[in-house]
């Protein structure tokens, strides 16, 4: 009998479940999720409401332009299509940059919002060269592509004038065509780059590339520097500067320095009347 009681005590009782408690827990979890969703929706609505009220207050008040020399600040702003007073979020910086890229003398553009109220436009201009042909004046870039045309030199007086070999065809938007199709003008561009690097370009009044074997330039209407062929142009330029520093140019005279042969540079002067 004791054994029977012992056996009874070891028999596991079946677990009792309460379906209504499980349903309550499930309902609570559902309500919690619903509250989280509702809170998120309320936050979004609040954020949109704040945006509609606050963001229109952020309008462009200033447009800064940096790096321009040929184009005025007003021209740059007009090219960009940006305006003071437009909403900051409506400013399309890429469209403005693309518009400025199409300007003839601009080679690099960077536009950014320096503050919610200020647009900063940074550009790099590459001044073109000017050539006279058939009674008109044309500006062209380093690829000898014609940029603009004018009947008056005054329109391009800020740019360096160049003499080129005989031109067969010249038109805006097209490359200059020389009568001698084999003409290599790389020496002219190399000399122009050297003049810019040396800081002499503001004093140069004429760049002469009419002779393939003797590129030259004129300094301040007082001195002509003949460089010869395109080899060692940097060395020749430094030599010409040394000669001018040593000998100078007398008042009323025009000097010609020839450094085509760096071993035997020559220097001669003539009266301005004779030069004219």
C-alpha atoms as a PDB file:
ATOM      1  CA  UNK A   1       0.000   0.000   0.000  1.00  0.00           C
ATOM      2  CA  UNK A   2       2.862   2.340   0.702  1.00  0.00           C
ATOM      3  CA  UNK A   3       4.272   1.561  -2.683  1.00  0.00           C
ATOM      4  CA  UNK A   4       0.968   2.446  -4.322  1.00  0.00           C
ATOM      5  CA  UNK A   5       0.947   5.810  -2.590  1.00  0.00           C
ATOM      6  CA  UNK A   6       4.480   6.408  -3.660  1.00  0.00           C
ATOM      7  CA  UNK A   7       3.590   5.647  -7.249  1.00  0.00           C
ATOM      8  CA  UNK A   8       0.677   8.058  -7.089  1.00  0.00           C
ATOM      9  CA  UNK A   9       2.920  10.844  -5.798  1.00  0.00           C
ATOM     10  CA  UNK A  10       5.249  10.503  -8.751  1.00  0.00           C
ATOM     11  CA  UNK A  11       2.555  10.763 -11.388  1.00  0.00           C
ATOM     12  CA  UNK A  12       2.837  14.215 -13.154  1.00  0.00           C
ATOM     13  CA  UNK A  13      -0.286  16.264 -13.221  1.00  0.00           C
ATOM     14  CA  UNK A  14      -1.318  17.678 -16.586  1.00  0.00           C
ATOM     15  CA  UNK A  15      -0.510  21.390 -16.985  1.00  0.00           C
ATOM     16  CA  UNK A  16      -3.380  23.773 -16.872  1.00  0.00           C
ATOM     17  CA  UNK A  17      -3.533  26.580 -19.533  1.00  0.00           C
ATOM     18  CA  UNK A  18      -5.536  29.791 -19.429  1.00  0.00           C
ATOM     19  CA  UNK A  19      -6.496  30.906 -22.943  1.00  0.00           C
ATOM     20  CA  UNK A  20      -7.843  34.235 -21.751  1.00  0.00           C
ATOM     21  CA  UNK A  21      -4.437  35.203 -20.238  1.00  0.00           C
ATOM     22  CA  UNK A  22      -2.618  34.515 -23.532  1.00  0.00           C
ATOM     23  CA  UNK A  23      -5.158  36.624 -25.397  1.00  0.00           C
ATOM     24  CA  UNK A  24      -4.628  39.474 -22.951  1.00  0.00           C
ATOM     25  CA  UNK A  25      -0.864  39.351 -23.460  1.00  0.00           C
ATOM     26  CA  UNK A  26      -1.288  39.342 -27.240  1.00  0.00           C
ATOM     27  CA  UNK A  27      -3.654  42.282 -27.023  1.00  0.00           C
ATOM     28  CA  UNK A  28      -1.167  44.248 -24.905  1.00  0.00           C
ATOM     29  CA  UNK A  29       1.629  43.617 -27.410  1.00  0.00           C
ATOM     30  CA  UNK A  30      -0.620  44.763 -30.249  1.00  0.00           C
ATOM     31  CA  UNK A  31      -1.578  47.913 -28.381  1.00  0.00           C
ATOM     32  CA  UNK A  32       2.109  48.656 -27.678  1.00  0.00           C
ATOM     33  CA  UNK A  33       2.975  48.345 -31.354  1.00  0.00           C
ATOM     34  CA  UNK A  34       0.043  50.547 -32.257  1.00  0.00           C
ATOM     35  CA  UNK A  35       1.198  53.213 -29.804  1.00  0.00           C
ATOM     36  CA  UNK A  36       4.731  53.132 -31.272  1.00  0.00           C
ATOM     37  CA  UNK A  37       3.359  53.508 -34.811  1.00  0.00           C
ATOM     38  CA  UNK A  38       1.077  56.340 -33.793  1.00  0.00           C
ATOM     39  CA  UNK A  39       3.958  58.101 -32.052  1.00  0.00           C
ATOM     40  CA  UNK A  40       6.123  57.798 -35.172  1.00  0.00           C
ATOM     41  CA  UNK A  41       3.328  59.160 -37.372  1.00  0.00           C
ATOM     42  CA  UNK A  42       2.799  62.085 -34.997  1.00  0.00           C
ATOM     43  CA  UNK A  43       6.538  62.869 -35.061  1.00  0.00           C
ATOM     44  CA  UNK A  44       6.542  62.831 -38.861  1.00  0.00           C
ATOM     45  CA  UNK A  45       3.512  65.113 -39.024  1.00  0.00           C
ATOM     46  CA  UNK A  46       5.139  67.451 -36.516  1.00  0.00           C
ATOM     47  CA  UNK A  47       8.396  67.494 -38.499  1.00  0.00           C
ATOM     48  CA  UNK A  48       6.557  68.268 -41.752  1.00  0.00           C
ATOM     49  CA  UNK A  49       4.639  71.036 -40.021  1.00  0.00           C
ATOM     50  CA  UNK A  50       7.806  72.583 -38.652  1.00  0.00           C
ATOM     51  CA  UNK A  51       9.442  72.334 -42.085  1.00  0.00           C
ATOM     52  CA  UNK A  52       6.543  74.097 -43.750  1.00  0.00           C
ATOM     53  CA  UNK A  53       6.797  76.907 -41.241  1.00  0.00           C
ATOM     54  CA  UNK A  54      10.557  77.210 -40.737  1.00  0.00           C
ATOM     55  CA  UNK A  55      12.200  76.252 -44.054  1.00  0.00           C
ATOM     56  CA  UNK A  56      10.617  79.071 -46.101  1.00  0.00           C
ATOM     57  CA  UNK A  57      12.389  81.407 -43.684  1.00  0.00           C
ATOM     58  CA  UNK A  58      15.764  80.185 -45.073  1.00  0.00           C
ATOM     59  CA  UNK A  59      16.211  82.276 -48.179  1.00  0.00           C
ATOM     60  CA  UNK A  60      19.337  83.275 -50.087  1.00  0.00           C
ATOM     61  CA  UNK A  61      20.464  86.675 -48.854  1.00  0.00           C
ATOM     62  CA  UNK A  62      23.981  86.784 -50.310  1.00  0.00           C
ATOM     63  CA  UNK A  63      25.718  85.407 -53.399  1.00  0.00           C
ATOM     64  CA  UNK A  64      29.515  85.564 -53.166  1.00  0.00           C
ATOM     65  CA  UNK A  65      31.726  85.311 -56.263  1.00  0.00           C
ATOM     66  CA  UNK A  66      35.437  84.499 -56.020  1.00  0.00           C
ATOM     67  CA  UNK A  67      38.092  84.196 -58.737  1.00  0.00           C
ATOM     68  CA  UNK A  68      36.535  86.345 -61.453  1.00  0.00           C
ATOM     69  CA  UNK A  69      38.621  88.906 -63.342  1.00  0.00           C
ATOM     70  CA  UNK A  70      37.176  89.269 -66.841  1.00  0.00           C
ATOM     71  CA  UNK A  71      33.551  88.707 -65.904  1.00  0.00           C
ATOM     72  CA  UNK A  72      31.981  91.009 -63.336  1.00  0.00           C
ATOM     73  CA  UNK A  73      30.303  89.638 -60.217  1.00  0.00           C
ATOM     74  CA  UNK A  74      26.947  90.682 -61.639  1.00  0.00           C
ATOM     75  CA  UNK A  75      27.628  88.765 -64.874  1.00  0.00           C
ATOM     76  CA  UNK A  76      28.622  85.614 -63.002  1.00  0.00           C
ATOM     77  CA  UNK A  77      25.442  85.723 -60.907  1.00  0.00           C
ATOM     78  CA  UNK A  78      23.349  86.298 -64.027  1.00  0.00           C
ATOM     79  CA  UNK A  79      25.021  83.373 -65.832  1.00  0.00           C
ATOM     80  CA  UNK A  80      24.354  81.085 -62.854  1.00  0.00           C
ATOM     81  CA  UNK A  81      20.637  81.776 -62.775  1.00  0.00           C
ATOM     82  CA  UNK A  82      20.719  82.192 -59.000  1.00  0.00           C
ATOM     83  CA  UNK A  83      18.820  85.031 -57.360  1.00  0.00           C
ATOM     84  CA  UNK A  84      18.740  86.646 -53.949  1.00  0.00           C
ATOM     85  CA  UNK A  85      15.478  85.846 -52.188  1.00  0.00           C
ATOM     86  CA  UNK A  86      14.893  82.331 -53.500  1.00  0.00           C
ATOM     87  CA  UNK A  87      14.361  79.577 -50.931  1.00  0.00           C
ATOM     88  CA  UNK A  88      17.605  77.882 -49.974  1.00  0.00           C
ATOM     89  CA  UNK A  89      16.144  74.395 -50.533  1.00  0.00           C
ATOM     90  CA  UNK A  90      15.192  75.365 -54.071  1.00  0.00           C
ATOM     91  CA  UNK A  91      18.753  76.305 -55.035  1.00  0.00           C
ATOM     92  CA  UNK A  92      19.965  73.824 -57.664  1.00  0.00           C
ATOM     93  CA  UNK A  93      23.734  74.046 -57.397  1.00  0.00           C
ATOM     94  CA  UNK A  94      24.362  71.583 -60.233  1.00  0.00           C
ATOM     95  CA  UNK A  95      22.240  73.534 -62.710  1.00  0.00           C
ATOM     96  CA  UNK A  96      24.040  76.739 -61.735  1.00  0.00           C
ATOM     97  CA  UNK A  97      27.445  75.080 -62.192  1.00  0.00           C
ATOM     98  CA  UNK A  98      26.451  73.719 -65.605  1.00  0.00           C
ATOM     99  CA  UNK A  99      25.296  77.170 -66.691  1.00  0.00           C
ATOM    100  CA  UNK A 100      28.631  78.723 -65.660  1.00  0.00           C
ATOM    101  CA  UNK A 101      30.599  75.957 -67.385  1.00  0.00           C
ATOM    102  CA  UNK A 102      29.186  77.160 -70.694  1.00  0.00           C
ATOM    103  CA  UNK A 103      30.734  80.638 -70.285  1.00  0.00           C
ATOM    104  CA  UNK A 104      33.575  81.155 -72.739  1.00  0.00           C
ATOM    105  CA  UNK A 105      36.393  82.027 -70.330  1.00  0.00           C
ATOM    106  CA  UNK A 106      35.499  79.890 -67.302  1.00  0.00           C
ATOM    107  CA  UNK A 107      37.408  76.618 -66.925  1.00  0.00           C
ATOM    108  CA  UNK A 108      36.515  75.520 -63.384  1.00  0.00           C
ATOM    109  CA  UNK A 109      33.414  76.066 -61.241  1.00  0.00           C
ATOM    110  CA  UNK A 110      32.609  75.182 -57.644  1.00  0.00           C
ATOM    111  CA  UNK A 111      29.344  76.264 -55.999  1.00  0.00           C
ATOM    112  CA  UNK A 112      28.293  75.540 -52.430  1.00  0.00           C
ATOM    113  CA  UNK A 113      26.021  76.814 -49.672  1.00  0.00           C
ATOM    114  CA  UNK A 114      28.403  78.369 -47.149  1.00  0.00           C
ATOM    115  CA  UNK A 115      25.400  78.966 -44.876  1.00  0.00           C
ATOM    116  CA  UNK A 116      21.596  78.623 -45.167  1.00  0.00           C
ATOM    117  CA  UNK A 117      21.576  82.221 -46.404  1.00  0.00           C
ATOM    118  CA  UNK A 118      24.713  82.436 -48.579  1.00  0.00           C
ATOM    119  CA  UNK A 119      25.746  80.847 -51.892  1.00  0.00           C
ATOM    120  CA  UNK A 120      29.472  80.896 -52.663  1.00  0.00           C
ATOM    121  CA  UNK A 121      30.584  80.665 -56.307  1.00  0.00           C
ATOM    122  CA  UNK A 122      34.259  79.926 -56.920  1.00  0.00           C
ATOM    123  CA  UNK A 123      35.524  80.047 -60.502  1.00  0.00           C
ATOM    124  CA  UNK A 124      38.767  79.842 -62.434  1.00  0.00           C
ATOM    125  CA  UNK A 125      39.040  81.943 -65.577  1.00  0.00           C
ATOM    126  CA  UNK A 126      41.480  81.261 -68.375  1.00  0.00           C
ATOM    127  CA  UNK A 127      42.010  84.474 -70.336  1.00  0.00           C
ATOM    128  CA  UNK A 128      41.896  83.820 -74.074  1.00  0.00           C
ATOM    129  CA  UNK A 129      44.217  85.203 -76.706  1.00  0.00           C
ATOM    130  CA  UNK A 130      43.170  87.713 -79.374  1.00  0.00           C
ATOM    131  CA  UNK A 131      43.995  87.650 -83.064  1.00  0.00           C
ATOM    132  CA  UNK A 132      43.141  90.191 -85.784  1.00  0.00           C
ATOM    133  CA  UNK A 133      41.935  88.812 -89.102  1.00  0.00           C
ATOM    134  CA  UNK A 134      40.116  90.417 -92.033  1.00  0.00           C
ATOM    135  CA  UNK A 135      39.381  93.602 -90.118  1.00  0.00           C
ATOM    136  CA  UNK A 136      37.862  91.813 -87.123  1.00  0.00           C
ATOM    137  CA  UNK A 137      39.116  90.544 -83.796  1.00  0.00           C
ATOM    138  CA  UNK A 138      38.651  87.043 -82.455  1.00  0.00           C
ATOM    139  CA  UNK A 139      39.335  85.470 -79.082  1.00  0.00           C
ATOM    140  CA  UNK A 140      40.471  81.841 -78.968  1.00  0.00           C
ATOM    141  CA  UNK A 141      41.437  79.286 -76.335  1.00  0.00           C
ATOM    142  CA  UNK A 142      44.435  76.967 -75.945  1.00  0.00           C
ATOM    143  CA  UNK A 143      42.868  74.564 -78.445  1.00  0.00           C
ATOM    144  CA  UNK A 144      42.678  77.401 -81.003  1.00  0.00           C
ATOM    145  CA  UNK A 145      38.887  77.247 -80.843  1.00  0.00           C
ATOM    146  CA  UNK A 146      37.338  80.650 -81.577  1.00  0.00           C
ATOM    147  CA  UNK A 147      35.215  81.939 -78.693  1.00  0.00           C
ATOM    148  CA  UNK A 148      34.008  85.391 -79.675  1.00  0.00           C
ATOM    149  CA  UNK A 149      34.156  87.903 -82.519  1.00  0.00           C
ATOM    150  CA  UNK A 150      34.096  91.702 -82.543  1.00  0.00           C
ATOM    151  CA  UNK A 151      34.702  94.550 -84.948  1.00  0.00           C
ATOM    152  CA  UNK A 152      36.403  96.540 -82.172  1.00  0.00           C
ATOM    153  CA  UNK A 153      39.604  95.642 -80.342  1.00  0.00           C
ATOM    154  CA  UNK A 154      38.324  97.577 -77.342  1.00  0.00           C
ATOM    155  CA  UNK A 155      35.988  94.693 -76.567  1.00  0.00           C
ATOM    156  CA  UNK A 156      38.999  92.432 -76.031  1.00  0.00           C
ATOM    157  CA  UNK A 157      41.590  94.941 -74.816  1.00  0.00           C
ATOM    158  CA  UNK A 158      41.974  93.016 -71.544  1.00  0.00           C
ATOM    159  CA  UNK A 159      43.459  90.052 -73.402  1.00  0.00           C
ATOM    160  CA  UNK A 160      46.858  89.483 -74.977  1.00  0.00           C
ATOM    161  CA  UNK A 161      47.010  90.034 -78.723  1.00  0.00           C
ATOM    162  CA  UNK A 162      48.726  87.419 -80.846  1.00  0.00           C
ATOM    163  CA  UNK A 163      50.089  87.357 -84.367  1.00  0.00           C
ATOM    164  CA  UNK A 164      49.470  84.041 -86.091  1.00  0.00           C
ATOM    165  CA  UNK A 165      50.571  82.517 -89.425  1.00  0.00           C
ATOM    166  CA  UNK A 166      48.301  83.019 -92.450  1.00  0.00           C
ATOM    167  CA  UNK A 167      44.763  81.987 -91.555  1.00  0.00           C
ATOM    168  CA  UNK A 168      42.644  80.138 -94.100  1.00  0.00           C
ATOM    169  CA  UNK A 169      39.429  80.012 -92.069  1.00  0.00           C
ATOM    170  CA  UNK A 170      38.239  81.490 -88.793  1.00  0.00           C
ATOM    171  CA  UNK A 171      34.728  81.401 -87.300  1.00  0.00           C
ATOM    172  CA  UNK A 172      33.201  81.421 -83.817  1.00  0.00           C
ATOM    173  CA  UNK A 173      32.802  77.928 -82.392  1.00  0.00           C
ATOM    174  CA  UNK A 174      35.308  76.411 -84.817  1.00  0.00           C
ATOM    175  CA  UNK A 175      39.049  75.760 -84.739  1.00  0.00           C
ATOM    176  CA  UNK A 176      41.328  78.182 -86.552  1.00  0.00           C
ATOM    177  CA  UNK A 177      42.524  76.722 -89.842  1.00  0.00           C
ATOM    178  CA  UNK A 178      45.962  77.801 -91.112  1.00  0.00           C
ATOM    179  CA  UNK A 179      46.942  77.884 -94.762  1.00  0.00           C
ATOM    180  CA  UNK A 180      49.883  75.699 -93.882  1.00  0.00           C
ATOM    181  CA  UNK A 181      48.104  72.643 -92.509  1.00  0.00           C
ATOM    182  CA  UNK A 182      51.305  71.294 -90.986  1.00  0.00           C
ATOM    183  CA  UNK A 183      51.815  74.377 -88.799  1.00  0.00           C
ATOM    184  CA  UNK A 184      52.631  73.393 -85.189  1.00  0.00           C
ATOM    185  CA  UNK A 185      51.645  76.085 -82.703  1.00  0.00           C
ATOM    186  CA  UNK A 186      52.624  74.224 -79.542  1.00  0.00           C
ATOM    187  CA  UNK A 187      55.677  76.491 -79.100  1.00  0.00           C
ATOM    188  CA  UNK A 188      53.398  79.529 -78.885  1.00  0.00           C
ATOM    189  CA  UNK A 189      51.274  77.955 -76.152  1.00  0.00           C
ATOM    190  CA  UNK A 190      54.355  76.801 -74.261  1.00  0.00           C
ATOM    191  CA  UNK A 191      55.797  80.311 -74.298  1.00  0.00           C
ATOM    192  CA  UNK A 192      52.471  81.779 -73.170  1.00  0.00           C
ATOM    193  CA  UNK A 193      52.371  79.347 -70.240  1.00  0.00           C
ATOM    194  CA  UNK A 194      55.940  80.284 -69.275  1.00  0.00           C
ATOM    195  CA  UNK A 195      55.093  83.990 -69.363  1.00  0.00           C
ATOM    196  CA  UNK A 196      52.172  83.336 -67.015  1.00  0.00           C
ATOM    197  CA  UNK A 197      54.306  81.283 -64.659  1.00  0.00           C
ATOM    198  CA  UNK A 198      57.063  83.892 -64.561  1.00  0.00           C
ATOM    199  CA  UNK A 199      54.645  86.743 -63.872  1.00  0.00           C
ATOM    200  CA  UNK A 200      55.636  88.573 -67.068  1.00  0.00           C
ATOM    201  CA  UNK A 201      52.338  88.166 -68.904  1.00  0.00           C
ATOM    202  CA  UNK A 202      50.785  91.431 -67.547  1.00  0.00           C
ATOM    203  CA  UNK A 203      53.669  93.335 -69.189  1.00  0.00           C
ATOM    204  CA  UNK A 204      53.525  91.531 -72.539  1.00  0.00           C
ATOM    205  CA  UNK A 205      51.693  93.504 -75.220  1.00  0.00           C
ATOM    206  CA  UNK A 206      52.139  91.130 -78.158  1.00  0.00           C
ATOM    207  CA  UNK A 207      52.879  87.470 -78.724  1.00  0.00           C
ATOM    208  CA  UNK A 208      54.313  86.713 -82.180  1.00  0.00           C
ATOM    209  CA  UNK A 209      53.905  83.220 -83.586  1.00  0.00           C
ATOM    210  CA  UNK A 210      54.094  84.041 -87.288  1.00  0.00           C
ATOM    211  CA  UNK A 211      57.448  82.317 -87.710  1.00  0.00           C
ATOM    212  CA  UNK A 212      57.611  78.627 -86.886  1.00  0.00           C
ATOM    213  CA  UNK A 213      61.312  78.827 -86.020  1.00  0.00           C
ATOM    214  CA  UNK A 214      61.268  82.067 -84.065  1.00  0.00           C
ATOM    215  CA  UNK A 215      58.522  82.650 -81.516  1.00  0.00           C
ATOM    216  CA  UNK A 216      58.765  86.110 -79.950  1.00  0.00           C
ATOM    217  CA  UNK A 217      56.996  88.557 -77.693  1.00  0.00           C
ATOM    218  CA  UNK A 218      56.987  92.310 -76.989  1.00  0.00           C
ATOM    219  CA  UNK A 219      57.346  93.802 -73.530  1.00  0.00           C
ATOM    220  CA  UNK A 220      55.578  97.101 -72.908  1.00  0.00           C
ATOM    221  CA  UNK A 221      56.098  98.346 -76.484  1.00  0.00           C
ATOM    222  CA  UNK A 222      59.770  98.864 -75.593  1.00  0.00           C
ATOM    223  CA  UNK A 223      61.450  95.552 -76.131  1.00  0.00           C
ATOM    224  CA  UNK A 224      61.101  92.538 -78.406  1.00  0.00           C
ATOM    225  CA  UNK A 225      62.369  89.172 -77.173  1.00  0.00           C
ATOM    226  CA  UNK A 226      63.134  86.641 -79.917  1.00  0.00           C
ATOM    227  CA  UNK A 227      63.200  83.112 -78.537  1.00  0.00           C
ATOM    228  CA  UNK A 228      63.968  81.082 -81.667  1.00  0.00           C
ATOM    229  CA  UNK A 229      62.794  77.475 -81.793  1.00  0.00           C
ATOM    230  CA  UNK A 230      60.709  75.899 -79.054  1.00  0.00           C
ATOM    231  CA  UNK A 231      63.548  74.013 -77.400  1.00  0.00           C
ATOM    232  CA  UNK A 232      64.662  75.164 -73.911  1.00  0.00           C
ATOM    233  CA  UNK A 233      62.216  78.076 -73.811  1.00  0.00           C
ATOM    234  CA  UNK A 234      62.405  78.299 -70.028  1.00  0.00           C
ATOM    235  CA  UNK A 235      66.186  78.688 -70.135  1.00  0.00           C
ATOM    236  CA  UNK A 236      65.973  81.275 -72.918  1.00  0.00           C
ATOM    237  CA  UNK A 237      63.361  83.296 -71.036  1.00  0.00           C
ATOM    238  CA  UNK A 238      65.549  83.420 -67.936  1.00  0.00           C
ATOM    239  CA  UNK A 239      68.511  84.478 -70.091  1.00  0.00           C
ATOM    240  CA  UNK A 240      66.497  87.275 -71.740  1.00  0.00           C
ATOM    241  CA  UNK A 241      65.497  88.590 -68.320  1.00  0.00           C
ATOM    242  CA  UNK A 242      69.153  88.620 -67.233  1.00  0.00           C
ATOM    243  CA  UNK A 243      70.152  90.560 -70.359  1.00  0.00           C
ATOM    244  CA  UNK A 244      67.451  93.170 -69.797  1.00  0.00           C
ATOM    245  CA  UNK A 245      68.366  93.557 -66.132  1.00  0.00           C
ATOM    246  CA  UNK A 246      71.982  94.153 -67.092  1.00  0.00           C
ATOM    247  CA  UNK A 247      71.541  96.417 -70.112  1.00  0.00           C
ATOM    248  CA  UNK A 248      68.045  97.874 -69.702  1.00  0.00           C
ATOM    249  CA  UNK A 249      66.259  99.938 -72.353  1.00  0.00           C
ATOM    250  CA  UNK A 250      67.157 103.585 -72.893  1.00  0.00           C
ATOM    251  CA  UNK A 251      64.409 106.179 -73.106  1.00  0.00           C
ATOM    252  CA  UNK A 252      63.313 106.784 -76.688  1.00  0.00           C
ATOM    253  CA  UNK A 253      64.699 103.497 -77.976  1.00  0.00           C
ATOM    254  CA  UNK A 254      63.319 100.060 -78.786  1.00  0.00           C
ATOM    255  CA  UNK A 255      65.443  97.069 -77.795  1.00  0.00           C
ATOM    256  CA  UNK A 256      65.624  93.674 -79.483  1.00  0.00           C
ATOM    257  CA  UNK A 257      67.014  90.773 -77.472  1.00  0.00           C
ATOM    258  CA  UNK A 258      67.682  87.565 -79.381  1.00  0.00           C
ATOM    259  CA  UNK A 259      68.234  84.467 -77.282  1.00  0.00           C
ATOM    260  CA  UNK A 260      67.555  81.906 -80.013  1.00  0.00           C
ATOM    261  CA  UNK A 261      71.135  80.751 -79.418  1.00  0.00           C
ATOM    262  CA  UNK A 262      71.583  80.721 -75.638  1.00  0.00           C
ATOM    263  CA  UNK A 263      75.337  80.523 -76.078  1.00  0.00           C
ATOM    264  CA  UNK A 264      75.432  83.798 -78.019  1.00  0.00           C
ATOM    265  CA  UNK A 265      72.560  86.110 -77.045  1.00  0.00           C
ATOM    266  CA  UNK A 266      72.433  89.425 -78.890  1.00  0.00           C
ATOM    267  CA  UNK A 267      71.142  92.840 -77.897  1.00  0.00           C
ATOM    268  CA  UNK A 268      70.542  95.804 -80.144  1.00  0.00           C
ATOM    269  CA  UNK A 269      68.545  99.012 -79.915  1.00  0.00           C
ATOM    270  CA  UNK A 270      66.938 101.344 -82.410  1.00  0.00           C
ATOM    271  CA  UNK A 271      65.148 104.649 -82.091  1.00  0.00           C
ATOM    272  CA  UNK A 272      61.406 104.435 -81.613  1.00  0.00           C
ATOM    273  CA  UNK A 273      60.801 106.404 -84.826  1.00  0.00           C
ATOM    274  CA  UNK A 274      62.775 103.834 -86.740  1.00  0.00           C
ATOM    275  CA  UNK A 275      60.910 101.009 -84.990  1.00  0.00           C
ATOM    276  CA  UNK A 276      57.579 102.596 -85.875  1.00  0.00           C
END
